[in-house]
PDB file of N, CA and C in Angstrom:
ATOM      1  N   MET A   1      20.619 107.671  99.193  1.00  0.00           N
ATOM      2  CA  MET A   1      20.720 108.943  98.846  1.00  0.00           C
ATOM      3  C   MET A   1      21.654 109.596  99.780  1.00  0.00           C
ATOM      4  N   ASP A   2      21.998 109.042 100.475  1.00  0.00           N
ATOM      5  CA  ASP A   2      23.153 109.412 101.482  1.00  0.00           C
ATOM      6  C   ASP A   2      24.577 109.599 100.566  1.00  0.00           C
ATOM      7  N   GLU A   3      24.792 108.418  99.765  1.00  0.00           N
ATOM      8  CA  GLU A   3      25.844 108.242  98.968  1.00  0.00           C
ATOM      9  C   GLU A   3      26.055 109.446  97.923  1.00  0.00           C
ATOM     10  N   TYR A   4      25.086 109.700  97.592  1.00  0.00           N
ATOM     11  CA  TYR A   4      24.851 110.841  96.498  1.00  0.00           C
ATOM     12  C   TYR A   4      25.585 112.141  97.220  1.00  0.00           C
ATOM     13  N   GLN A   5      24.824 112.247  98.137  1.00  0.00           N
ATOM     14  CA  GLN A   5      25.254 113.577  98.964  1.00  0.00           C
ATOM     15  C   GLN A   5      26.644 113.725  99.347  1.00  0.00           C
ATOM     16  N   ASP A   6      27.201 112.402  99.871  1.00  0.00           N
ATOM     17  CA  ASP A   6      28.528 112.442 100.329  1.00  0.00           C
ATOM     18  C   ASP A   6      29.548 112.646  99.036  1.00  0.00           C
ATOM     19  N   ILE A   7      29.106 112.098  98.000  1.00  0.00           N
ATOM     20  CA  ILE A   7      29.987 112.383  96.657  1.00  0.00           C
ATOM     21  C   ILE A   7      30.011 113.767  96.244  1.00  0.00           C
ATOM     22  N   ARG A   8      28.651 114.409  96.356  1.00  0.00           N
ATOM     23  CA  ARG A   8      28.722 115.933  96.127  1.00  0.00           C
ATOM     24  C   ARG A   8      29.627 116.757  97.160  1.00  0.00           C
ATOM     25  N   GLU A   9      29.510 116.272  98.331  1.00  0.00           N
ATOM     26  CA  GLU A   9      30.398 117.065  99.284  1.00  0.00           C
ATOM     27  C   GLU A   9      31.919 116.860  99.080  1.00  0.00           C
ATOM     28  N   LEU A  10      32.246 115.607  98.670  1.00  0.00           N
ATOM     29  CA  LEU A  10      33.661 115.520  98.284  1.00  0.00           C
ATOM     30  C   LEU A  10      34.119 116.338  97.098  1.00  0.00           C
ATOM     31  N   LEU A  11      33.250 116.372  96.172  1.00  0.00           N
ATOM     32  CA  LEU A  11      33.711 117.232  94.878  1.00  0.00           C
ATOM     33  C   LEU A  11      33.740 118.588  94.861  1.00  0.00           C
ATOM     34  N   LYS A  12      33.006 119.142  96.008  1.00  0.00           N
ATOM     35  CA  LYS A  12      33.062 120.597  96.161  1.00  0.00           C
ATOM     36  C   LYS A  12      34.320 120.957  96.633  1.00  0.00           C
ATOM     37  N   PRO A  13      34.833 122.223  96.064  1.00  0.00           N
ATOM     38  CA  PRO A  13      36.083 122.887  96.398  1.00  0.00           C
ATOM     39  C   PRO A  13      36.314 123.088  97.750  1.00  0.00           C
ATOM     40  N   LYS A  14      37.330 122.704  98.509  1.00  0.00           N
ATOM     41  CA  LYS A  14      37.288 122.988  99.928  1.00  0.00           C
ATOM     42  C   LYS A  14      37.823 124.362 100.225  1.00  0.00           C
ATOM     43  N   ARG A  15      38.424 125.320  99.271  1.00  0.00           N
ATOM     44  CA  ARG A  15      38.688 126.708  99.540  1.00  0.00           C
ATOM     45  C   ARG A  15      38.818 127.267  98.177  1.00  0.00           C
ATOM     46  N   THR A  16      38.559 128.527  98.201  1.00  0.00           N
ATOM     47  CA  THR A  16      38.446 129.425  96.911  1.00  0.00           C
ATOM     48  C   THR A  16      40.062 129.311  96.423  1.00  0.00           C
ATOM     49  N   ILE A  17      39.954 129.370  95.405  1.00  0.00           N
ATOM     50  CA  ILE A  17      41.436 129.284  94.412  1.00  0.00           C
ATOM     51  C   ILE A  17      41.345 130.792  93.634  1.00  0.00           C
ATOM     52  N   GLY A  18      42.459 131.634  93.896  1.00  0.00           N
ATOM     53  CA  GLY A  18      42.432 132.966  93.249  1.00  0.00           C
ATOM     54  C   GLY A  18      44.219 133.142  92.951  1.00  0.00           C
ATOM     55  N   ALA A  19      44.117 134.074  92.125  1.00  0.00           N
ATOM     56  CA  ALA A  19      45.566 134.552  91.987  1.00  0.00           C
ATOM     57  C   ALA A  19      46.050 135.396  93.139  1.00  0.00           C
ATOM     58  N   SER A  20      47.194 135.371  93.692  1.00  0.00           N
ATOM     59  CA  SER A  20      47.776 136.271  94.529  1.00  0.00           C
ATOM     60  C   SER A  20      47.993 137.597  93.850  1.00  0.00           C
ATOM     61  N   VAL A  21      48.173 138.742  94.644  1.00  0.00           N
ATOM     62  CA  VAL A  21      48.405 140.076  94.252  1.00  0.00           C
ATOM     63  C   VAL A  21      49.762 140.133  93.485  1.00  0.00           C
ATOM     64  N   HIS A  22      50.612 139.379  93.939  1.00  0.00           N
ATOM     65  CA  HIS A  22      51.942 139.270  93.340  1.00  0.00           C
ATOM     66  C   HIS A  22      51.886 138.615  91.899  1.00  0.00           C
ATOM     67  N   LEU A  23      51.215 137.841  91.701  1.00  0.00           N
ATOM     68  CA  LEU A  23      51.064 137.020  90.535  1.00  0.00           C
ATOM     69  C   LEU A  23      50.392 137.952  89.547  1.00  0.00           C
ATOM     70  N   ARG A  24      49.165 138.452  89.984  1.00  0.00           N
ATOM     71  CA  ARG A  24      48.392 139.460  89.041  1.00  0.00           C
ATOM     72  C   ARG A  24      49.365 140.639  88.629  1.00  0.00           C
ATOM     73  N   GLN A  25      50.194 140.743  89.439  1.00  0.00           N
ATOM     74  CA  GLN A  25      50.978 142.352  89.113  1.00  0.00           C
ATOM     75  C   GLN A  25      52.243 141.769  88.037  1.00  0.00           C
ATOM     76  N   ARG A  26      52.550 140.410  88.290  1.00  0.00           N
ATOM     77  CA  ARG A  26      53.567 139.846  87.206  1.00  0.00           C
ATOM     78  C   ARG A  26      53.015 139.702  85.789  1.00  0.00           C
ATOM     79  N   ILE A  27      51.744 139.194  86.042  1.00  0.00           N
ATOM     80  CA  ILE A  27      50.864 139.039  84.504  1.00  0.00           C
ATOM     81  C   ILE A  27      50.671 140.363  83.893  1.00  0.00           C
ATOM     82  N   GLY A  28      50.263 141.550  84.707  1.00  0.00           N
ATOM     83  CA  GLY A  28      49.986 142.810  84.191  1.00  0.00           C
ATOM     84  C   GLY A  28      51.198 143.472  83.544  1.00  0.00           C
ATOM     85  N   ASN A  29      52.275 143.189  84.117  1.00  0.00           N
ATOM     86  CA  ASN A  29      53.588 143.722  83.667  1.00  0.00           C
ATOM     87  C   ASN A  29      53.865 142.927  82.369  1.00  0.00           C
ATOM     88  N   ALA A  30      53.793 141.542  82.508  1.00  0.00           N
ATOM     89  CA  ALA A  30      54.229 141.062  81.078  1.00  0.00           C
ATOM     90  C   ALA A  30      53.319 141.301  79.891  1.00  0.00           C
ATOM     91  N   LEU A  31      51.878 141.690  80.391  1.00  0.00           N
ATOM     92  CA  LEU A  31      51.023 142.037  79.222  1.00  0.00           C
ATOM     93  C   LEU A  31      51.418 143.541  78.678  1.00  0.00           C
ATOM     94  N   ALA A  32      51.803 144.362  79.561  1.00  0.00           N
ATOM     95  CA  ALA A  32      52.162 145.714  79.316  1.00  0.00           C
ATOM     96  C   ALA A  32      53.582 145.553  78.267  1.00  0.00           C
ATOM     97  N   GLN A  33      54.355 144.813  78.686  1.00  0.00           N
ATOM     98  CA  GLN A  33      55.601 144.505  78.042  1.00  0.00           C
ATOM     99  C   GLN A  33      55.434 143.852  76.633  1.00  0.00           C
ATOM    100  N   LYS A  34      54.374 143.035  76.604  1.00  0.00           N
ATOM    101  CA  LYS A  34      54.057 142.561  75.226  1.00  0.00           C
ATOM    102  C   LYS A  34      53.391 143.351  74.313  1.00  0.00           C
ATOM    103  N   ARG A  35      52.392 144.168  74.682  1.00  0.00           N
ATOM    104  CA  ARG A  35      51.994 145.402  73.938  1.00  0.00           C
ATOM    105  C   ARG A  35      53.109 146.075  73.408  1.00  0.00           C
ATOM    106  N   SER A  36      53.956 146.433  74.157  1.00  0.00           N
ATOM    107  CA  SER A  36      54.962 147.490  73.801  1.00  0.00           C
ATOM    108  C   SER A  36      55.754 146.971  72.624  1.00  0.00           C
ATOM    109  N   THR A  37      56.118 145.744  72.737  1.00  0.00           N
ATOM    110  CA  THR A  37      56.845 144.777  71.856  1.00  0.00           C
ATOM    111  C   THR A  37      56.296 144.756  70.540  1.00  0.00           C
ATOM    112  N   GLY A  38      54.825 144.477  70.769  1.00  0.00           N
ATOM    113  CA  GLY A  38      53.884 144.410  69.472  1.00  0.00           C
ATOM    114  C   GLY A  38      53.757 145.850  68.836  1.00  0.00           C
ATOM    115  N   THR A  39      53.966 146.722  69.484  1.00  0.00           N
ATOM    116  CA  THR A  39      53.807 148.111  68.810  1.00  0.00           C
ATOM    117  C   THR A  39      55.105 148.433  68.132  1.00  0.00           C
ATOM    118  N   LYS A  40      56.178 147.931  68.541  1.00  0.00           N
ATOM    119  CA  LYS A  40      57.502 148.059  68.033  1.00  0.00           C
ATOM    120  C   LYS A  40      57.615 147.433  66.669  1.00  0.00           C
ATOM    121  N   TRP A  41      56.869 146.034  66.672  1.00  0.00           N
ATOM    122  CA  TRP A  41      57.023 145.250  65.708  1.00  0.00           C
ATOM    123  C   TRP A  41      56.039 145.721  64.372  1.00  0.00           C
ATOM    124  N   LEU A  42      54.997 146.414  64.958  1.00  0.00           N
ATOM    125  CA  LEU A  42      54.128 147.169  63.866  1.00  0.00           C
ATOM    126  C   LEU A  42      54.696 148.287  63.211  1.00  0.00           C
ATOM    127  N   TRP A  43      55.523 149.099  64.074  1.00  0.00           N
ATOM    128  CA  TRP A  43      56.216 150.247  63.393  1.00  0.00           C
ATOM    129  C   TRP A  43      57.310 149.722  62.108  1.00  0.00           C
ATOM    130  N   ARG A  44      58.068 148.477  62.714  1.00  0.00           N
ATOM    131  CA  ARG A  44      59.082 148.047  61.887  1.00  0.00           C
ATOM    132  C   ARG A  44      58.478 147.583  60.723  1.00  0.00           C
ATOM    133  N   ALA A  45      57.556 146.770  60.810  1.00  0.00           N
ATOM    134  CA  ALA A  45      56.838 146.212  59.533  1.00  0.00           C
ATOM    135  C   ALA A  45      56.216 147.328  58.709  1.00  0.00           C
ATOM    136  N   ALA A  46      55.779 148.266  59.176  1.00  0.00           N
ATOM    137  CA  ALA A  46      55.184 149.416  58.367  1.00  0.00           C
ATOM    138  C   ALA A  46      56.337 150.156  57.664  1.00  0.00           C
ATOM    139  N   ALA A  47      57.599 150.575  58.415  1.00  0.00           N
ATOM    140  CA  ALA A  47      58.720 150.884  57.707  1.00  0.00           C
ATOM    141  C   ALA A  47      59.309 150.192  56.542  1.00  0.00           C
ATOM    142  N   ALA A  48      59.238 148.714  56.882  1.00  0.00           N
ATOM    143  CA  ALA A  48      59.819 147.969  55.882  1.00  0.00           C
ATOM    144  C   ALA A  48      58.878 147.849  54.806  1.00  0.00           C
ATOM    145  N   ALA A  49      57.628 147.940  54.687  1.00  0.00           N
ATOM    146  CA  ALA A  49      56.336 147.877  53.693  1.00  0.00           C
ATOM    147  C   ALA A  49      56.743 149.417  52.715  1.00  0.00           C
ATOM    148  N   CYS A  50      56.927 150.320  53.642  1.00  0.00           N
ATOM    149  CA  CYS A  50      57.234 151.606  52.757  1.00  0.00           C
ATOM    150  C   CYS A  50      58.545 151.557  51.966  1.00  0.00           C
ATOM    151  N   VAL A  51      59.533 150.860  52.405  1.00  0.00           N
ATOM    152  CA  VAL A  51      60.975 150.867  51.927  1.00  0.00           C
ATOM    153  C   VAL A  51      60.615 149.928  50.612  1.00  0.00           C
ATOM    154  N   ALA A  52      60.006 148.629  50.861  1.00  0.00           N
ATOM    155  CA  ALA A  52      59.730 147.720  49.792  1.00  0.00           C
ATOM    156  C   ALA A  52      58.960 148.548  48.587  1.00  0.00           C
ATOM    157  N   MET A  53      57.744 149.283  49.057  1.00  0.00           N
ATOM    158  CA  MET A  53      56.965 149.961  47.936  1.00  0.00           C
ATOM    159  C   MET A  53      57.961 151.167  47.304  1.00  0.00           C
ATOM    160  N   ILE A  54      58.772 151.784  47.882  1.00  0.00           N
ATOM    161  CA  ILE A  54      59.796 152.667  47.240  1.00  0.00           C
ATOM    162  C   ILE A  54      60.685 152.057  46.448  1.00  0.00           C
ATOM    163  N   VAL A  55      61.111 150.940  46.586  1.00  0.00           N
ATOM    164  CA  VAL A  55      62.079 149.842  45.709  1.00  0.00           C
ATOM    165  C   VAL A  55      61.202 149.697  44.538  1.00  0.00           C
ATOM    166  N   GLY A  56      60.079 149.125  44.805  1.00  0.00           N
ATOM    167  CA  GLY A  56      59.156 148.612  43.815  1.00  0.00           C
ATOM    168  C   GLY A  56      58.949 149.705  42.764  1.00  0.00           C
ATOM    169  N   VAL A  57      58.585 150.910  43.175  1.00  0.00           N
ATOM    170  CA  VAL A  57      58.244 151.840  42.237  1.00  0.00           C
ATOM    171  C   VAL A  57      59.467 152.310  41.371  1.00  0.00           C
ATOM    172  N   ALA A  58      60.502 152.217  42.120  1.00  0.00           N
ATOM    173  CA  ALA A  58      61.546 152.632  41.472  1.00  0.00           C
ATOM    174  C   ALA A  58      62.183 151.595  40.160  1.00  0.00           C
ATOM    175  N   MET A  59      61.819 150.375  40.764  1.00  0.00           N
ATOM    176  CA  MET A  59      62.431 149.399  39.600  1.00  0.00           C
ATOM    177  C   MET A  59      61.374 149.483  38.419  1.00  0.00           C
ATOM    178  N   LEU A  60      60.036 149.752  38.857  1.00  0.00           N
ATOM    179  CA  LEU A  60      59.009 149.892  37.899  1.00  0.00           C
ATOM    180  C   LEU A  60      59.349 151.172  36.776  1.00  0.00           C
ATOM    181  N   PHE A  61      59.752 152.230  37.420  1.00  0.00           N
ATOM    182  CA  PHE A  61      60.223 152.978  36.299  1.00  0.00           C
ATOM    183  C   PHE A  61      61.524 152.752  35.790  1.00  0.00           C
ATOM    184  N   ASN A  62      62.235 152.224  36.263  1.00  0.00           N
ATOM    185  CA  ASN A  62      63.546 151.799  35.573  1.00  0.00           C
ATOM    186  C   ASN A  62      63.223 150.722  34.480  1.00  0.00           C
ATOM    187  N   SER A  63      62.337 149.913  34.695  1.00  0.00           N
ATOM    188  CA  SER A  63      62.072 148.898  33.626  1.00  0.00           C
ATOM    189  C   SER A  63      61.448 149.421  32.496  1.00  0.00           C
ATOM    190  N   ARG A  64      60.468 150.506  32.822  1.00  0.00           N
ATOM    191  CA  ARG A  64      59.736 151.220  31.778  1.00  0.00           C
ATOM    192  C   ARG A  64      60.801 152.032  30.825  1.00  0.00           C
ATOM    193  N   SER A  65      61.907 152.547  31.409  1.00  0.00           N
ATOM    194  CA  SER A  65      62.657 153.019  30.562  1.00  0.00           C
ATOM    195  C   SER A  65      63.586 152.285  29.719  1.00  0.00           C
ATOM    196  N   ALA A  66      63.631 150.990  30.146  1.00  0.00           N
ATOM    197  CA  ALA A  66      64.589 150.051  29.665  1.00  0.00           C
ATOM    198  C   ALA A  66      63.732 149.361  28.287  1.00  0.00           C
ATOM    199  N   VAL A  67      62.542 149.573  28.160  1.00  0.00           N
ATOM    200  CA  VAL A  67      61.706 148.998  27.104  1.00  0.00           C
ATOM    201  C   VAL A  67      62.166 149.525  25.694  1.00  0.00           C
ATOM    202  N   THR A  68      61.875 148.438  24.833  1.00  0.00           N
ATOM    203  CA  THR A  68      62.580 148.807  23.513  1.00  0.00           C
ATOM    204  C   THR A  68      61.534 149.860  22.946  1.00  0.00           C
ATOM    205  N   PRO A  69      62.044 150.729  22.155  1.00  0.00           N
ATOM    206  CA  PRO A  69      61.276 151.933  21.591  1.00  0.00           C
ATOM    207  C   PRO A  69      60.267 151.253  20.446  1.00  0.00           C
ATOM    208  N   ALA A  70      59.142 152.022  20.551  1.00  0.00           N
ATOM    209  CA  ALA A  70      58.072 151.647  19.504  1.00  0.00           C
ATOM    210  C   ALA A  70      58.435 151.290  18.100  1.00  0.00           C
ATOM    211  N   GLY A  71      59.467 151.984  17.728  1.00  0.00           N
ATOM    212  CA  GLY A  71      59.844 151.889  16.108  1.00  0.00           C
ATOM    213  C   GLY A  71      60.526 150.591  15.781  1.00  0.00           C
ATOM    214  N   ASN A  72      61.069 150.003  16.791  1.00  0.00           N
ATOM    215  CA  ASN A  72      61.607 148.565  16.568  1.00  0.00           C
ATOM    216  C   ASN A  72      60.591 147.649  16.204  1.00  0.00           C
ATOM    217  N   SER A  73      60.688 146.848  15.081  1.00  0.00           N
ATOM    218  CA  SER A  73      59.849 146.148  14.744  1.00  0.00           C
ATOM    219  C   SER A  73      60.054 144.431  15.114  1.00  0.00           C
ATOM    220  N   ASP A  74      60.966 144.201  15.974  1.00  0.00           N
ATOM    221  CA  ASP A  74      61.286 142.932  16.560  1.00  0.00           C
ATOM    222  C   ASP A  74      60.150 142.256  16.919  1.00  0.00           C
ATOM    223  N   CYS A  75      59.756 141.041  16.462  1.00  0.00           N
ATOM    224  CA  CYS A  75      58.699 140.274  17.176  1.00  0.00           C
ATOM    225  C   CYS A  75      59.129 139.317  18.330  1.00  0.00           C
ATOM    226  N   ILE A  76      58.655 139.229  19.450  1.00  0.00           N
ATOM    227  CA  ILE A  76      58.855 138.344  20.519  1.00  0.00           C
ATOM    228  C   ILE A  76      57.868 137.605  20.863  1.00  0.00           C
ATOM    229  N   VAL A  77      57.933 136.264  20.917  1.00  0.00           N
ATOM    230  CA  VAL A  77      56.672 135.509  21.254  1.00  0.00           C
ATOM    231  C   VAL A  77      57.460 134.386  22.566  1.00  0.00           C
ATOM    232  N   TYR A  78      56.483 134.023  23.300  1.00  0.00           N
ATOM    233  CA  TYR A  78      56.785 132.976  24.267  1.00  0.00           C
ATOM    234  C   TYR A  78      55.977 131.845  23.945  1.00  0.00           C
ATOM    235  N   VAL A  79      56.517 130.511  23.596  1.00  0.00           N
ATOM    236  CA  VAL A  79      56.127 129.409  23.211  1.00  0.00           C
ATOM    237  C   VAL A  79      56.552 128.429  24.037  1.00  0.00           C
ATOM    238  N   ALA A  80      55.399 127.791  24.933  1.00  0.00           N
ATOM    239  CA  ALA A  80      55.916 126.714  26.061  1.00  0.00           C
ATOM    240  C   ALA A  80      56.813 127.309  26.852  1.00  0.00           C
ATOM    241  N   GLY A  81      56.760 128.578  27.296  1.00  0.00           N
ATOM    242  CA  GLY A  81      57.438 129.042  28.414  1.00  0.00           C
ATOM    243  C   GLY A  81      59.034 129.386  27.636  1.00  0.00           C
ATOM    244  N   HIS A  82      59.339 129.165  26.424  1.00  0.00           N
ATOM    245  CA  HIS A  82      60.515 129.610  25.832  1.00  0.00           C
ATOM    246  C   HIS A  82      60.315 130.680  25.044  1.00  0.00           C
ATOM    247  N   LYS A  83      61.267 131.691  25.236  1.00  0.00           N
ATOM    248  CA  LYS A  83      61.218 132.942  24.356  1.00  0.00           C
ATOM    249  C   LYS A  83      61.801 132.729  23.000  1.00  0.00           C
ATOM    250  N   ALA A  84      61.022 133.301  22.005  1.00  0.00           N
ATOM    251  CA  ALA A  84      61.529 133.258  20.820  1.00  0.00           C
ATOM    252  C   ALA A  84      61.327 134.612  19.856  1.00  0.00           C
ATOM    253  N   SER A  85      62.437 134.830  19.107  1.00  0.00           N
ATOM    254  CA  SER A  85      62.469 136.349  18.458  1.00  0.00           C
ATOM    255  C   SER A  85      62.829 136.181  17.188  1.00  0.00           C
ATOM    256  N   GLY A  86      62.742 137.513  16.520  1.00  0.00           N
ATOM    257  CA  GLY A  86      63.130 137.514  15.039  1.00  0.00           C
ATOM    258  C   GLY A  86      62.327 136.834  14.205  1.00  0.00           C
ATOM    259  N   ASN A  87      63.047 136.228  13.228  1.00  0.00           N
ATOM    260  CA  ASN A  87      62.089 135.417  12.100  1.00  0.00           C
ATOM    261  C   ASN A  87      61.438 134.438  12.588  1.00  0.00           C
ATOM    262  N   GLU A  88      61.937 133.576  13.722  1.00  0.00           N
ATOM    263  CA  GLU A  88      61.444 132.440  14.201  1.00  0.00           C
ATOM    264  C   GLU A  88      59.941 132.953  14.802  1.00  0.00           C
ATOM    265  N   ALA A  89      60.027 133.921  15.495  1.00  0.00           N
ATOM    266  CA  ALA A  89      58.856 134.586  16.306  1.00  0.00           C
ATOM    267  C   ALA A  89      57.913 134.928  14.941  1.00  0.00           C
ATOM    268  N   GLN A  90      58.275 135.361  14.282  1.00  0.00           N
ATOM    269  CA  GLN A  90      57.234 136.070  13.027  1.00  0.00           C
ATOM    270  C   GLN A  90      56.782 134.830  12.339  1.00  0.00           C
ATOM    271  N   ALA A  91      57.375 133.796  12.061  1.00  0.00           N
ATOM    272  CA  ALA A  91      56.801 132.532  11.406  1.00  0.00           C
ATOM    273  C   ALA A  91      55.674 131.926  12.195  1.00  0.00           C
ATOM    274  N   ILE A  92      56.055 131.861  13.850  1.00  0.00           N
ATOM    275  CA  ILE A  92      55.255 131.348  14.515  1.00  0.00           C
ATOM    276  C   ILE A  92      54.016 132.275  14.759  1.00  0.00           C
ATOM    277  N   VAL A  93      54.020 133.369  14.751  1.00  0.00           N
ATOM    278  CA  VAL A  93      52.867 134.433  14.875  1.00  0.00           C
ATOM    279  C   VAL A  93      51.833 134.158  13.707  1.00  0.00           C
ATOM    280  N   GLU A  94      52.728 134.073  12.317  1.00  0.00           N
ATOM    281  CA  GLU A  94      51.880 133.914  11.091  1.00  0.00           C
ATOM    282  C   GLU A  94      51.223 132.632  11.128  1.00  0.00           C
ATOM    283  N   ALA A  95      51.829 131.624  11.391  1.00  0.00           N
ATOM    284  CA  ALA A  95      50.898 130.423  11.481  1.00  0.00           C
ATOM    285  C   ALA A  95      49.871 130.220  12.406  1.00  0.00           C
ATOM    286  N   ASP A  96      49.866 130.911  13.593  1.00  0.00           N
ATOM    287  CA  ASP A  96      48.893 130.899  14.562  1.00  0.00           C
ATOM    288  C   ASP A  96      47.706 131.899  13.750  1.00  0.00           C
ATOM    289  N   VAL A  97      48.088 132.911  13.117  1.00  0.00           N
ATOM    290  CA  VAL A  97      47.236 133.684  12.558  1.00  0.00           C
ATOM    291  C   VAL A  97      46.367 132.956  11.444  1.00  0.00           C
ATOM    292  N   ALA A  98      47.054 132.213  10.784  1.00  0.00           N
ATOM    293  CA  ALA A  98      46.499 131.398   9.513  1.00  0.00           C
ATOM    294  C   ALA A  98      45.526 130.266  10.435  1.00  0.00           C
ATOM    295  N   ARG A  99      45.929 129.801  11.336  1.00  0.00           N
ATOM    296  CA  ARG A  99      45.106 128.793  12.042  1.00  0.00           C
ATOM    297  C   ARG A  99      43.727 129.323  12.722  1.00  0.00           C
ATOM    298  N   MET A 100      44.078 130.522  13.155  1.00  0.00           N
ATOM    299  CA  MET A 100      42.756 131.261  13.826  1.00  0.00           C
ATOM    300  C   MET A 100      41.770 131.481  12.512  1.00  0.00           C
ATOM    301  N   GLU A 101      42.390 132.093  11.453  1.00  0.00           N
ATOM    302  CA  GLU A 101      41.473 132.495  10.220  1.00  0.00           C
ATOM    303  C   GLU A 101      40.913 131.078   9.731  1.00  0.00           C
ATOM    304  N   GLN A 102      41.700 130.114   9.564  1.00  0.00           N
ATOM    305  CA  GLN A 102      40.868 128.870   9.227  1.00  0.00           C
ATOM    306  C   GLN A 102      39.739 128.535  10.099  1.00  0.00           C
ATOM    307  N   PHE A 103      40.073 128.655  11.471  1.00  0.00           N
ATOM    308  CA  PHE A 103      38.961 128.192  12.356  1.00  0.00           C
ATOM    309  C   PHE A 103      37.619 129.261  12.482  1.00  0.00           C
ATOM    310  N   ILE A 104      37.905 130.508  12.015  1.00  0.00           N
ATOM    311  CA  ILE A 104      36.671 131.530  12.010  1.00  0.00           C
ATOM    312  C   ILE A 104      35.920 130.955  10.588  1.00  0.00           C
ATOM    313  N   GLN A 105      36.978 130.630   9.504  1.00  0.00           N
ATOM    314  CA  GLN A 105      35.947 130.247   8.209  1.00  0.00           C
ATOM    315  C   GLN A 105      35.032 128.960   8.706  1.00  0.00           C
ATOM    316  N   THR A 106      35.779 128.006   9.368  1.00  0.00           N
ATOM    317  CA  THR A 106      35.114 126.776   9.575  1.00  0.00           C
ATOM    318  C   THR A 106      33.704 126.913  10.341  1.00  0.00           C
ATOM    319  N   VAL A 107      33.914 127.983  11.536  1.00  0.00           N
ATOM    320  CA  VAL A 107      32.955 128.019  12.261  1.00  0.00           C
ATOM    321  C   VAL A 107      31.650 128.809  11.463  1.00  0.00           C
ATOM    322  N   ALA A 108      32.111 129.597  10.719  1.00  0.00           N
ATOM    323  CA  ALA A 108      31.210 130.437   9.688  1.00  0.00           C
ATOM    324  C   ALA A 108      30.524 129.623   8.668  1.00  0.00           C
ATOM    325  N   GLN A 109      31.169 128.642   8.187  1.00  0.00           N
ATOM    326  CA  GLN A 109      30.484 127.454   7.434  1.00  0.00           C
ATOM    327  C   GLN A 109      29.541 126.837   8.082  1.00  0.00           C
ATOM    328  N   GLN A 110      29.874 126.302   9.232  1.00  0.00           N
ATOM    329  CA  GLN A 110      28.996 125.401  10.067  1.00  0.00           C
ATOM    330  C   GLN A 110      27.943 126.120  10.362  1.00  0.00           C
ATOM    331  N   ASN A 111      28.069 127.249  10.607  1.00  0.00           N
ATOM    332  CA  ASN A 111      26.725 128.394  11.095  1.00  0.00           C
ATOM    333  C   ASN A 111      25.683 128.593   9.872  1.00  0.00           C
ATOM    334  N   ALA A 112      26.413 128.496   8.766  1.00  0.00           N
ATOM    335  CA  ALA A 112      25.669 128.834   7.418  1.00  0.00           C
ATOM    336  C   ALA A 112      24.967 127.702   7.264  1.00  0.00           C
ATOM    337  N   ALA A 113      25.650 126.462   7.339  1.00  0.00           N
ATOM    338  CA  ALA A 113      24.902 125.025   7.118  1.00  0.00           C
ATOM    339  C   ALA A 113      23.860 124.954   8.077  1.00  0.00           C
ATOM    340  N   GLU A 114      24.027 125.161   9.460  1.00  0.00           N
ATOM    341  CA  GLU A 114      22.744 125.308  10.469  1.00  0.00           C
ATOM    342  C   GLU A 114      21.578 126.045   9.994  1.00  0.00           C
ATOM    343  N   GLN A 115      22.161 127.476   9.669  1.00  0.00           N
ATOM    344  CA  GLN A 115      20.808 128.224   9.292  1.00  0.00           C
ATOM    345  C   GLN A 115      20.131 127.801   8.097  1.00  0.00           C
ATOM    346  N   GLU A 116      20.819 127.172   7.061  1.00  0.00           N
ATOM    347  CA  GLU A 116      20.198 126.676   6.019  1.00  0.00           C
ATOM    348  C   GLU A 116      19.162 125.580   6.349  1.00  0.00           C
ATOM    349  N   LYS A 117      19.542 124.643   7.210  1.00  0.00           N
ATOM    350  CA  LYS A 117      18.894 123.675   7.575  1.00  0.00           C
ATOM    351  C   LYS A 117      17.557 124.287   8.452  1.00  0.00           C
ATOM    352  N   VAL A 118      17.883 125.211   9.271  1.00  0.00           N
ATOM    353  CA  VAL A 118      16.746 125.877   9.890  1.00  0.00           C
ATOM    354  C   VAL A 118      15.732 126.348   8.995  1.00  0.00           C
ATOM    355  N   ASN A 119      16.284 126.933   7.945  1.00  0.00           N
ATOM    356  CA  ASN A 119      15.231 127.664   6.854  1.00  0.00           C
ATOM    357  C   ASN A 119      14.543 126.566   6.138  1.00  0.00           C
ATOM    358  N   GLN A 120      15.243 125.352   5.673  1.00  0.00           N
ATOM    359  CA  GLN A 120      14.470 124.394   5.048  1.00  0.00           C
ATOM    360  C   GLN A 120      13.588 123.859   6.049  1.00  0.00           C
ATOM    361  N   PHE A 121      13.753 123.787   7.381  1.00  0.00           N
ATOM    362  CA  PHE A 121      12.595 123.366   8.132  1.00  0.00           C
ATOM    363  C   PHE A 121      11.639 124.177   8.134  1.00  0.00           C
ATOM    364  N   MET A 122      11.684 125.498   8.445  1.00  0.00           N
ATOM    365  CA  MET A 122      10.886 126.287   8.362  1.00  0.00           C
ATOM    366  C   MET A 122       9.801 126.501   7.206  1.00  0.00           C
ATOM    367  N   GLN A 123      10.454 126.647   5.832  1.00  0.00           N
ATOM    368  CA  GLN A 123       9.633 126.394   4.773  1.00  0.00           C
ATOM    369  C   GLN A 123       8.927 125.172   4.681  1.00  0.00           C
ATOM    370  N   HIS A 124       9.446 124.094   5.120  1.00  0.00           N
ATOM    371  CA  HIS A 124       8.695 122.739   5.024  1.00  0.00           C
ATOM    372  C   HIS A 124       7.415 122.977   5.889  1.00  0.00           C
ATOM    373  N   LYS A 125       7.642 123.406   6.983  1.00  0.00           N
ATOM    374  CA  LYS A 125       6.487 123.562   8.156  1.00  0.00           C
ATOM    375  C   LYS A 125       5.417 124.772   7.612  1.00  0.00           C
ATOM    376  N   TYR A 126       5.883 125.641   6.822  1.00  0.00           N
ATOM    377  CA  TYR A 126       5.157 126.511   6.073  1.00  0.00           C
ATOM    378  C   TYR A 126       4.339 126.121   4.880  1.00  0.00           C
ATOM    379  N   LEU A 127       4.960 125.345   4.039  1.00  0.00           N
ATOM    380  CA  LEU A 127       4.199 124.411   2.986  1.00  0.00           C
ATOM    381  C   LEU A 127       3.321 123.517   3.422  1.00  0.00           C
ATOM    382  N   GLU A 128       3.477 123.047   4.734  1.00  0.00           N
ATOM    383  CA  GLU A 128       2.293 121.912   5.358  1.00  0.00           C
ATOM    384  C   GLU A 128       1.110 122.488   5.577  1.00  0.00           C
ATOM    385  N   LYS A 129       1.129 123.808   6.000  1.00  0.00           N
ATOM    386  CA  LYS A 129      -0.184 124.483   6.625  1.00  0.00           C
ATOM    387  C   LYS A 129      -1.007 124.758   5.372  1.00  0.00           C
TER     388      LYS A 129
END
């Protein structure tokens, strides 16, 4: 048991450890300087954000004025990331519309066939009763 007490005594701190007044003052000054630097960066960031917003709004209004007038009937499409316009774009759009119409007709035919199967099943069940 003596060994245990001896080890505890050896592990205890011999003196209290603390920061000197001079070190505490240096740390306080550094923190104050860091806060003021952070505030400067905050104001600079806010100013930069305002400038970016003003430039963005200006670009938005300029791009709206550059849009083609509504009377222009040019057709523009993007296919696989490539821009197509004029007759080529019109042909692509017409082909897509035809494929969509064909798909809608196929789905309608399948729905009608399924509904007919349900009706036949219901009539068969009704006749069995």
